[in-house]
Amino acid sequence: MPDVPAPQDPADALAAVLALRRLADQLEDAAVEQAMRAGWGWPQVAEALGITRQAVHKKHAKRLIAAGVTLRRRT
């Protein structure tokens, strides 16, 4: 891991961690939606994220349906 300067104040350091987590979640949401709109299936998205198909489905399915994304069904 690169040597990243840490804020001296623990509150600042923790706020930075929270901000990065929120940004990572936003990036993941956008990338998953883009992949699903491009026709990817849950297994492909899960593999790309390094998690199970069930985990990615649980985290993203409701939001994608609300956004009008057509989800592929298993055949």
Protein backbone atom coordinates (compact mmCIF):
# COMPACT_ATOMS: atom_id res chain seq x y z
CA MET A 1 0.00 0.00 0.00
CA PRO A 2 1.39 3.43 -0.86
CA ASP A 3 2.44 5.65 2.00
CA VAL A 4 -0.58 7.93 2.40
CA PRO A 5 -0.30 10.81 4.83
CA ALA A 6 -2.92 10.44 7.54
CA PRO A 7 -4.60 13.39 9.20
CA GLN A 8 -3.26 14.04 12.69
CA ASP A 9 -6.74 14.37 14.18
CA PRO A 10 -8.54 11.00 14.47
CA ALA A 11 -11.86 12.71 13.71
CA ASP A 12 -10.45 13.98 10.41
CA ALA A 13 -9.04 10.55 9.58
CA LEU A 14 -12.37 8.84 10.27
CA ALA A 15 -14.26 11.47 8.28
CA ALA A 16 -11.93 10.77 5.34
CA VAL A 17 -12.61 7.03 5.62
CA LEU A 18 -16.36 7.67 5.64
CA ALA A 19 -16.12 9.95 2.61
CA LEU A 20 -14.13 7.31 0.70
CA ARG A 21 -16.64 4.58 1.59
CA ARG A 22 -19.51 6.73 0.34
CA LEU A 23 -17.65 7.50 -2.87
CA ALA A 24 -16.84 3.80 -3.39
CA ASP A 25 -20.53 2.93 -2.89
CA GLN A 26 -21.59 5.55 -5.43
CA LEU A 27 -19.03 4.28 -7.95
CA GLU A 28 -20.16 0.69 -7.39
CA ASP A 29 -23.83 1.63 -7.82
CA ALA A 30 -23.10 3.41 -11.10
CA ALA A 31 -20.88 0.63 -12.44
CA VAL A 32 -23.37 -2.12 -11.55
CA GLU A 33 -26.20 -0.19 -13.19
CA GLN A 34 -24.09 0.38 -16.31
CA ALA A 35 -23.20 -3.31 -16.49
CA MET A 36 -26.79 -4.45 -16.06
CA ARG A 37 -28.04 -1.99 -18.69
CA ALA A 38 -25.34 -3.41 -21.00
CA GLY A 39 -26.82 -6.88 -20.58
CA TRP A 40 -24.53 -8.35 -17.95
CA GLY A 41 -25.95 -10.97 -15.63
CA TRP A 42 -25.62 -11.21 -11.87
CA PRO A 43 -22.82 -13.82 -12.09
CA GLN A 44 -20.68 -11.56 -14.29
CA VAL A 45 -21.16 -8.55 -12.01
CA ALA A 46 -20.49 -10.65 -8.91
CA GLU A 47 -17.28 -12.06 -10.35
CA ALA A 48 -16.05 -8.60 -11.33
CA LEU A 49 -16.70 -7.34 -7.79
CA GLY A 50 -15.28 -10.42 -6.10
CA ILE A 51 -18.49 -11.23 -4.23
CA THR A 52 -21.28 -13.79 -4.58
CA ARG A 53 -24.16 -13.48 -7.01
CA GLN A 54 -26.53 -13.49 -4.06
CA ALA A 55 -24.67 -10.64 -2.35
CA VAL A 56 -24.67 -8.40 -5.42
CA HIS A 57 -28.34 -9.15 -6.08
CA LYS A 58 -29.32 -8.39 -2.48
CA LYS A 59 -27.40 -5.11 -2.51
CA HIS A 60 -28.49 -3.77 -5.90
CA ALA A 61 -31.70 -5.41 -7.21
CA LYS A 62 -34.30 -3.14 -5.57
CA ARG A 63 -32.44 0.02 -6.56
CA LEU A 64 -32.03 -1.16 -10.15
CA ILE A 65 -35.70 -2.11 -10.46
CA ALA A 66 -36.68 1.32 -9.09
CA ALA A 67 -34.37 2.91 -11.69
CA GLY A 68 -36.19 1.06 -14.47
CA VAL A 69 -33.38 -1.34 -15.31
CA THR A 70 -34.59 -4.57 -16.92
CA LEU A 71 -32.93 -7.40 -15.03
CA ARG A 72 -32.08 -10.67 -16.72
CA ARG A 73 -33.77 -13.76 -15.39
CA ARG A 74 -31.96 -17.05 -15.04
CA THR A 75 -32.92 -19.48 -17.76
